[in-house]
Amino acid sequence: MPMNVVSPFLLGFAVFAFSVPLVRPAAADGDPAAGKRVFNQCMACHSVAKGKNGLGPGLFGVVGRKAGTAEGFNNYSPAMKKADVTWTEENLSKYLADPKGFVPGNRMIFVGLKKDEDRANVIAFLKQAGEGGQ
């Protein structure tokens, strides 16, 4: 075979290999340390300390909790109280992307996290903090 001819197999493999998107497994699960850095902008209103609320509800143990039910927090909007939402990772991601769109009429003054990676990281941080780690 001449040196300047590429076999169809190698050509096909190269096309396949370079067309498959690269996926970082850590990004899919989120990085709690990176999430803590992103969450710093939320700390003016929210805490991840157990039993501590601020201007906004405490977020300790938020993953798996029903919206509008943080213990000791009494300043929920009527919209959040009526929201039939459990804070799964998927719902948290949707809410963090567009709080006003996901629960119209809620009081949170935040435009959202537009990057998927930032949301995944914050959720990983909230999960870790809810298990007692920070």
N, C-alpha and C. Protein backbone atom coordinates (compact mmCIF):
# COMPACT_ATOMS: atom_id res chain seq x y z
N MET A 1 0.86 -1.18 0.00
CA MET A 1 0.00 0.00 0.00
C MET A 1 0.89 1.24 0.00
N PRO A 2 0.63 2.22 -0.85
CA PRO A 2 1.44 3.43 -0.87
C PRO A 2 1.34 4.17 0.46
N MET A 3 2.37 4.89 0.84
CA MET A 3 2.45 5.58 2.12
C MET A 3 1.46 6.74 2.23
N ASN A 4 1.05 7.33 1.14
CA ASN A 4 0.16 8.49 1.21
C ASN A 4 -1.33 8.11 1.14
N VAL A 5 -1.66 6.83 1.23
CA VAL A 5 -3.04 6.38 1.19
C VAL A 5 -3.46 5.95 2.60
N VAL A 6 -4.57 6.48 3.07
CA VAL A 6 -5.09 6.15 4.40
C VAL A 6 -6.14 5.06 4.23
N SER A 7 -6.03 4.04 5.06
CA SER A 7 -7.01 2.96 4.94
C SER A 7 -8.39 3.47 5.32
N PRO A 8 -9.44 2.96 4.71
CA PRO A 8 -10.80 3.38 5.04
C PRO A 8 -11.11 3.15 6.53
N PHE A 9 -10.55 2.08 7.11
CA PHE A 9 -10.79 1.81 8.53
C PHE A 9 -10.24 2.94 9.39
N LEU A 10 -9.00 3.33 9.14
CA LEU A 10 -8.38 4.39 9.94
C LEU A 10 -9.10 5.72 9.73
N LEU A 11 -9.51 5.99 8.51
CA LEU A 11 -10.23 7.22 8.23
C LEU A 11 -11.57 7.23 8.97
N GLY A 12 -12.28 6.11 8.92
CA GLY A 12 -13.56 6.01 9.63
C GLY A 12 -13.39 6.15 11.13
N PHE A 13 -12.35 5.53 11.69
CA PHE A 13 -12.08 5.63 13.12
C PHE A 13 -11.77 7.07 13.51
N ALA A 14 -10.97 7.75 12.70
CA ALA A 14 -10.60 9.13 13.00
C ALA A 14 -11.83 10.04 12.97
N VAL A 15 -12.70 9.85 12.00
CA VAL A 15 -13.92 10.66 11.92
C VAL A 15 -14.79 10.41 13.15
N PHE A 16 -14.93 9.14 13.54
CA PHE A 16 -15.74 8.80 14.71
C PHE A 16 -15.11 9.38 15.98
N ALA A 17 -13.84 9.19 16.16
CA ALA A 17 -13.16 9.62 17.39
C ALA A 17 -13.24 11.13 17.59
N PHE A 18 -13.16 11.88 16.52
CA PHE A 18 -13.18 13.33 16.65
C PHE A 18 -14.60 13.92 16.60
N SER A 19 -15.59 13.09 16.33
CA SER A 19 -16.96 13.60 16.32
C SER A 19 -17.70 13.31 17.62
N VAL A 20 -17.14 12.44 18.46
CA VAL A 20 -17.77 12.11 19.74
C VAL A 20 -17.42 13.20 20.74
N PRO A 21 -18.42 13.84 21.37
CA PRO A 21 -18.11 14.89 22.33
C PRO A 21 -17.37 14.33 23.54
N LEU A 22 -16.44 15.09 24.02
CA LEU A 22 -15.71 14.68 25.22
C LEU A 22 -16.56 15.00 26.44
N VAL A 23 -16.71 14.04 27.32
CA VAL A 23 -17.52 14.21 28.52
C VAL A 23 -16.63 14.00 29.73
N ARG A 24 -16.64 14.97 30.60
CA ARG A 24 -15.91 14.85 31.85
C ARG A 24 -16.84 14.29 32.90
N PRO A 25 -16.61 13.09 33.40
CA PRO A 25 -17.52 12.53 34.39
C PRO A 25 -17.70 13.43 35.61
N ALA A 26 -16.66 14.10 36.05
CA ALA A 26 -16.78 14.96 37.23
C ALA A 26 -17.77 16.09 36.99
N ALA A 27 -17.84 16.60 35.76
CA ALA A 27 -18.76 17.70 35.48
C ALA A 27 -20.21 17.23 35.56
N ALA A 28 -20.47 15.99 35.16
CA ALA A 28 -21.83 15.47 35.22
C ALA A 28 -22.31 15.38 36.66
N ASP A 29 -21.42 14.99 37.56
CA ASP A 29 -21.78 14.86 38.97
C ASP A 29 -21.60 16.17 39.72
N GLY A 30 -20.82 17.04 39.22
CA GLY A 30 -20.55 18.30 39.88
C GLY A 30 -19.37 18.20 40.84
N ASP A 31 -18.74 19.31 41.06
CA ASP A 31 -17.58 19.42 41.93
C ASP A 31 -17.96 20.29 43.13
N PRO A 32 -18.08 19.69 44.32
CA PRO A 32 -18.51 20.46 45.49
C PRO A 32 -17.61 21.66 45.80
N ALA A 33 -16.30 21.51 45.61
CA ALA A 33 -15.39 22.63 45.89
C ALA A 33 -15.66 23.80 44.94
N ALA A 34 -15.85 23.50 43.67
CA ALA A 34 -16.19 24.55 42.71
C ALA A 34 -17.57 25.11 43.01
N GLY A 35 -18.49 24.26 43.44
CA GLY A 35 -19.83 24.70 43.81
C GLY A 35 -19.83 25.64 44.99
N LYS A 36 -18.94 25.40 45.94
CA LYS A 36 -18.83 26.29 47.11
C LYS A 36 -18.41 27.69 46.66
N ARG A 37 -17.50 27.75 45.69
CA ARG A 37 -17.06 29.06 45.18
C ARG A 37 -18.21 29.79 44.50
N VAL A 38 -19.01 29.06 43.72
CA VAL A 38 -20.17 29.67 43.06
C VAL A 38 -21.20 30.07 44.11
N PHE A 39 -21.39 29.23 45.12
CA PHE A 39 -22.39 29.48 46.16
C PHE A 39 -22.05 30.72 47.00
N ASN A 40 -20.82 31.16 46.99
CA ASN A 40 -20.46 32.36 47.75
C ASN A 40 -21.36 33.55 47.43
N GLN A 41 -21.83 33.64 46.19
CA GLN A 41 -22.72 34.75 45.81
C GLN A 41 -24.11 34.58 46.42
N CYS A 42 -24.43 33.41 46.92
CA CYS A 42 -25.75 33.13 47.52
C CYS A 42 -25.76 33.34 49.03
N MET A 43 -24.56 33.43 49.62
CA MET A 43 -24.44 33.46 51.07
C MET A 43 -24.99 34.73 51.72
N ALA A 44 -25.22 35.76 50.95
CA ALA A 44 -25.82 36.97 51.53
C ALA A 44 -27.24 36.69 52.02
N CYS A 45 -27.89 35.71 51.40
CA CYS A 45 -29.28 35.39 51.76
C CYS A 45 -29.48 33.99 52.31
N HIS A 46 -28.63 33.04 51.93
CA HIS A 46 -28.82 31.63 52.28
C HIS A 46 -27.65 31.08 53.08
N SER A 47 -27.96 30.15 53.96
CA SER A 47 -26.95 29.44 54.73
C SER A 47 -27.08 27.95 54.45
N VAL A 48 -25.97 27.23 54.60
CA VAL A 48 -26.01 25.77 54.53
C VAL A 48 -25.81 25.16 55.91
N ALA A 49 -25.75 26.01 56.93
CA ALA A 49 -25.63 25.50 58.30
C ALA A 49 -26.97 24.95 58.76
N LYS A 50 -26.94 23.81 59.42
CA LYS A 50 -28.18 23.16 59.88
C LYS A 50 -28.97 24.10 60.80
N GLY A 51 -30.25 24.30 60.46
CA GLY A 51 -31.14 25.10 61.28
C GLY A 51 -30.97 26.59 61.17
N LYS A 52 -30.14 27.06 60.22
CA LYS A 52 -29.90 28.50 60.10
C LYS A 52 -30.54 29.06 58.84
N ASN A 53 -31.47 29.98 59.04
CA ASN A 53 -32.10 30.69 57.93
C ASN A 53 -31.53 32.11 57.89
N GLY A 54 -31.67 32.73 56.76
CA GLY A 54 -31.27 34.13 56.61
C GLY A 54 -32.42 34.88 55.98
N LEU A 55 -32.08 35.82 55.12
CA LEU A 55 -33.12 36.51 54.35
C LEU A 55 -33.90 35.48 53.53
N GLY A 56 -33.18 34.48 53.06
CA GLY A 56 -33.80 33.35 52.37
C GLY A 56 -33.74 32.13 53.26
N PRO A 57 -34.41 31.06 52.86
CA PRO A 57 -34.41 29.85 53.70
C PRO A 57 -33.04 29.19 53.75
N GLY A 58 -32.78 28.52 54.86
CA GLY A 58 -31.57 27.71 54.97
C GLY A 58 -31.62 26.57 53.96
N LEU A 59 -30.46 26.23 53.42
CA LEU A 59 -30.40 25.22 52.38
C LEU A 59 -29.75 23.92 52.85
N PHE A 60 -29.54 23.78 54.14
CA PHE A 60 -29.06 22.50 54.67
C PHE A 60 -30.12 21.44 54.40
N GLY A 61 -29.74 20.36 53.74
CA GLY A 61 -30.69 19.29 53.45
C GLY A 61 -31.74 19.63 52.41
N VAL A 62 -31.48 20.61 51.56
CA VAL A 62 -32.48 21.02 50.57
C VAL A 62 -32.75 19.94 49.53
N VAL A 63 -31.74 19.15 49.17
CA VAL A 63 -31.95 18.12 48.15
C VAL A 63 -32.89 17.06 48.73
N GLY A 64 -34.03 16.90 48.09
CA GLY A 64 -35.05 15.95 48.52
C GLY A 64 -36.17 16.58 49.34
N ARG A 65 -36.03 17.85 49.67
CA ARG A 65 -37.04 18.54 50.48
C ARG A 65 -38.12 19.15 49.58
N LYS A 66 -39.32 19.25 50.09
CA LYS A 66 -40.41 19.90 49.36
C LYS A 66 -40.20 21.41 49.41
N ALA A 67 -40.45 22.08 48.31
CA ALA A 67 -40.30 23.54 48.24
C ALA A 67 -41.20 24.20 49.28
N GLY A 68 -40.70 25.27 49.87
CA GLY A 68 -41.50 26.06 50.80
C GLY A 68 -41.62 25.46 52.19
N THR A 69 -40.70 24.57 52.57
CA THR A 69 -40.85 23.88 53.85
C THR A 69 -39.61 23.92 54.75
N ALA A 70 -38.68 24.84 54.53
CA ALA A 70 -37.50 24.90 55.40
C ALA A 70 -37.96 25.22 56.82
N GLU A 71 -37.52 24.39 57.75
CA GLU A 71 -37.93 24.56 59.14
C GLU A 71 -37.53 25.93 59.67
N GLY A 72 -38.49 26.62 60.26
CA GLY A 72 -38.23 27.92 60.89
C GLY A 72 -38.23 29.10 59.94
N PHE A 73 -38.39 28.87 58.64
CA PHE A 73 -38.41 29.98 57.69
C PHE A 73 -39.86 30.32 57.37
N ASN A 74 -40.25 31.56 57.65
CA ASN A 74 -41.66 31.95 57.51
C ASN A 74 -41.89 33.03 56.46
N ASN A 75 -40.92 33.30 55.62
CA ASN A 75 -41.05 34.39 54.67
C ASN A 75 -41.15 33.90 53.22
N TYR A 76 -41.72 32.72 53.04
CA TYR A 76 -41.91 32.22 51.67
C TYR A 76 -42.99 33.03 50.96
N SER A 77 -42.81 33.20 49.67
CA SER A 77 -43.84 33.82 48.85
C SER A 77 -45.02 32.86 48.74
N PRO A 78 -46.22 33.40 48.49
CA PRO A 78 -47.37 32.50 48.25
C PRO A 78 -47.07 31.51 47.12
N ALA A 79 -46.35 31.96 46.10
CA ALA A 79 -46.03 31.09 44.97
C ALA A 79 -45.18 29.91 45.41
N MET A 80 -44.19 30.15 46.26
CA MET A 80 -43.32 29.07 46.71
C MET A 80 -44.06 28.13 47.65
N LYS A 81 -44.93 28.69 48.48
CA LYS A 81 -45.73 27.84 49.38
C LYS A 81 -46.65 26.91 48.60
N LYS A 82 -47.16 27.39 47.47
CA LYS A 82 -48.10 26.61 46.65
C LYS A 82 -47.38 25.68 45.66
N ALA A 83 -46.09 25.91 45.44
CA ALA A 83 -45.37 25.12 44.44
C ALA A 83 -45.36 23.64 44.83
N ASP A 84 -45.78 22.82 43.93
CA ASP A 84 -45.77 21.38 44.16
C ASP A 84 -44.46 20.83 43.59
N VAL A 85 -43.37 21.17 44.26
CA VAL A 85 -42.04 20.84 43.77
C VAL A 85 -41.24 20.20 44.91
N THR A 86 -40.58 19.12 44.59
CA THR A 86 -39.59 18.55 45.49
C THR A 86 -38.23 18.88 44.89
N TRP A 87 -37.30 19.31 45.72
CA TRP A 87 -36.00 19.75 45.23
C TRP A 87 -35.10 18.57 44.90
N THR A 88 -35.42 17.92 43.79
CA THR A 88 -34.53 16.91 43.22
C THR A 88 -33.38 17.65 42.55
N GLU A 89 -32.35 16.93 42.18
CA GLU A 89 -31.24 17.56 41.47
C GLU A 89 -31.74 18.20 40.17
N GLU A 90 -32.63 17.50 39.47
CA GLU A 90 -33.16 18.03 38.21
C GLU A 90 -33.95 19.32 38.44
N ASN A 91 -34.82 19.32 39.45
CA ASN A 91 -35.61 20.52 39.73
C ASN A 91 -34.75 21.67 40.24
N LEU A 92 -33.76 21.36 41.07
CA LEU A 92 -32.84 22.41 41.51
C LEU A 92 -32.12 23.04 40.32
N SER A 93 -31.69 22.21 39.38
CA SER A 93 -30.99 22.73 38.21
C SER A 93 -31.91 23.64 37.40
N LYS A 94 -33.15 23.23 37.20
CA LYS A 94 -34.10 24.06 36.46
C LYS A 94 -34.36 25.38 37.19
N TYR A 95 -34.52 25.29 38.50
CA TYR A 95 -34.78 26.49 39.30
C TYR A 95 -33.57 27.42 39.28
N LEU A 96 -32.39 26.86 39.48
CA LEU A 96 -31.19 27.70 39.49
C LEU A 96 -30.91 28.33 38.13
N ALA A 97 -31.37 27.72 37.07
CA ALA A 97 -31.20 28.29 35.73
C ALA A 97 -32.13 29.48 35.52
N ASP A 98 -33.35 29.39 36.06
CA ASP A 98 -34.35 30.43 35.83
C ASP A 98 -35.36 30.44 36.97
N PRO A 99 -35.00 31.02 38.12
CA PRO A 99 -35.89 30.99 39.29
C PRO A 99 -37.29 31.54 39.02
N LYS A 100 -37.38 32.65 38.33
CA LYS A 100 -38.69 33.27 38.08
C LYS A 100 -39.50 32.45 37.07
N GLY A 101 -38.85 31.78 36.17
CA GLY A 101 -39.56 30.95 35.20
C GLY A 101 -40.01 29.63 35.78
N PHE A 102 -39.21 29.07 36.70
CA PHE A 102 -39.55 27.76 37.27
C PHE A 102 -40.65 27.87 38.33
N VAL A 103 -40.57 28.89 39.16
CA VAL A 103 -41.64 29.15 40.15
C VAL A 103 -42.02 30.62 39.99
N PRO A 104 -42.91 30.91 39.03
CA PRO A 104 -43.32 32.30 38.81
C PRO A 104 -43.91 32.91 40.09
N GLY A 105 -43.50 34.13 40.39
CA GLY A 105 -44.01 34.82 41.56
C GLY A 105 -43.20 34.60 42.83
N ASN A 106 -42.10 33.83 42.74
CA ASN A 106 -41.29 33.65 43.95
C ASN A 106 -40.52 34.94 44.23
N ARG A 107 -40.04 35.08 45.45
CA ARG A 107 -39.40 36.33 45.88
C ARG A 107 -37.88 36.37 45.69
N MET A 108 -37.29 35.31 45.26
CA MET A 108 -35.83 35.31 45.17
C MET A 108 -35.38 36.30 44.10
N ILE A 109 -34.49 37.19 44.51
CA ILE A 109 -33.97 38.21 43.60
C ILE A 109 -32.64 37.70 43.04
N PHE A 110 -32.74 36.89 42.02
CA PHE A 110 -31.57 36.26 41.43
C PHE A 110 -31.95 35.86 40.01
N VAL A 111 -31.12 36.21 39.04
CA VAL A 111 -31.46 35.92 37.64
C VAL A 111 -31.16 34.49 37.25
N GLY A 112 -30.34 33.79 38.02
CA GLY A 112 -30.06 32.39 37.74
C GLY A 112 -28.62 32.14 37.33
N LEU A 113 -28.27 30.86 37.34
CA LEU A 113 -26.96 30.40 36.89
C LEU A 113 -27.14 29.82 35.50
N LYS A 114 -26.55 30.44 34.51
CA LYS A 114 -26.79 30.04 33.12
C LYS A 114 -25.93 28.85 32.69
N LYS A 115 -24.80 28.62 33.34
CA LYS A 115 -23.90 27.53 32.94
C LYS A 115 -24.31 26.23 33.62
N ASP A 116 -24.48 25.17 32.82
CA ASP A 116 -24.81 23.85 33.35
C ASP A 116 -23.80 23.41 34.41
N GLU A 117 -22.54 23.66 34.14
CA GLU A 117 -21.47 23.24 35.05
C GLU A 117 -21.59 23.94 36.41
N ASP A 118 -21.91 25.24 36.40
CA ASP A 118 -22.08 25.96 37.66
C ASP A 118 -23.23 25.37 38.47
N ARG A 119 -24.33 25.07 37.79
CA ARG A 119 -25.48 24.50 38.50
C ARG A 119 -25.15 23.12 39.06
N ALA A 120 -24.49 22.29 38.28
CA ALA A 120 -24.10 20.95 38.75
C ALA A 120 -23.17 21.06 39.95
N ASN A 121 -22.26 22.02 39.91
CA ASN A 121 -21.32 22.20 41.01
C ASN A 121 -22.01 22.69 42.27
N VAL A 122 -22.93 23.64 42.14
CA VAL A 122 -23.66 24.15 43.31
C VAL A 122 -24.50 23.03 43.92
N ILE A 123 -25.13 22.24 43.09
CA ILE A 123 -25.96 21.13 43.60
C ILE A 123 -25.08 20.11 44.32
N ALA A 124 -23.91 19.82 43.77
CA ALA A 124 -22.98 18.90 44.45
C ALA A 124 -22.57 19.48 45.80
N PHE A 125 -22.32 20.78 45.86
CA PHE A 125 -21.98 21.43 47.12
C PHE A 125 -23.13 21.35 48.11
N LEU A 126 -24.35 21.62 47.67
CA LEU A 126 -25.52 21.56 48.55
C LEU A 126 -25.74 20.15 49.06
N LYS A 127 -25.53 19.16 48.21
CA LYS A 127 -25.68 17.76 48.66
C LYS A 127 -24.64 17.45 49.74
N GLN A 128 -23.41 17.85 49.48
CA GLN A 128 -22.34 17.58 50.46
C GLN A 128 -22.60 18.32 51.76
N ALA A 129 -22.99 19.59 51.66
CA ALA A 129 -23.26 20.38 52.87
C ALA A 129 -24.44 19.80 53.64
N GLY A 130 -25.42 19.26 52.93
CA GLY A 130 -26.60 18.67 53.56
C GLY A 130 -26.31 17.37 54.27
N GLU A 131 -25.15 16.80 53.97
CA GLU A 131 -24.73 15.58 54.65
C GLU A 131 -23.80 15.91 55.81
N GLY A 132 -23.66 17.20 56.09
CA GLY A 132 -22.84 17.63 57.21
C GLY A 132 -21.42 18.02 56.84
N GLY A 133 -21.07 17.97 55.56
CA GLY A 133 -19.73 18.36 55.13
C GLY A 133 -19.75 19.65 54.37
N GLN A 134 -18.68 20.41 54.45
CA GLN A 134 -18.55 21.65 53.67
C GLN A 134 -17.20 21.69 53.11
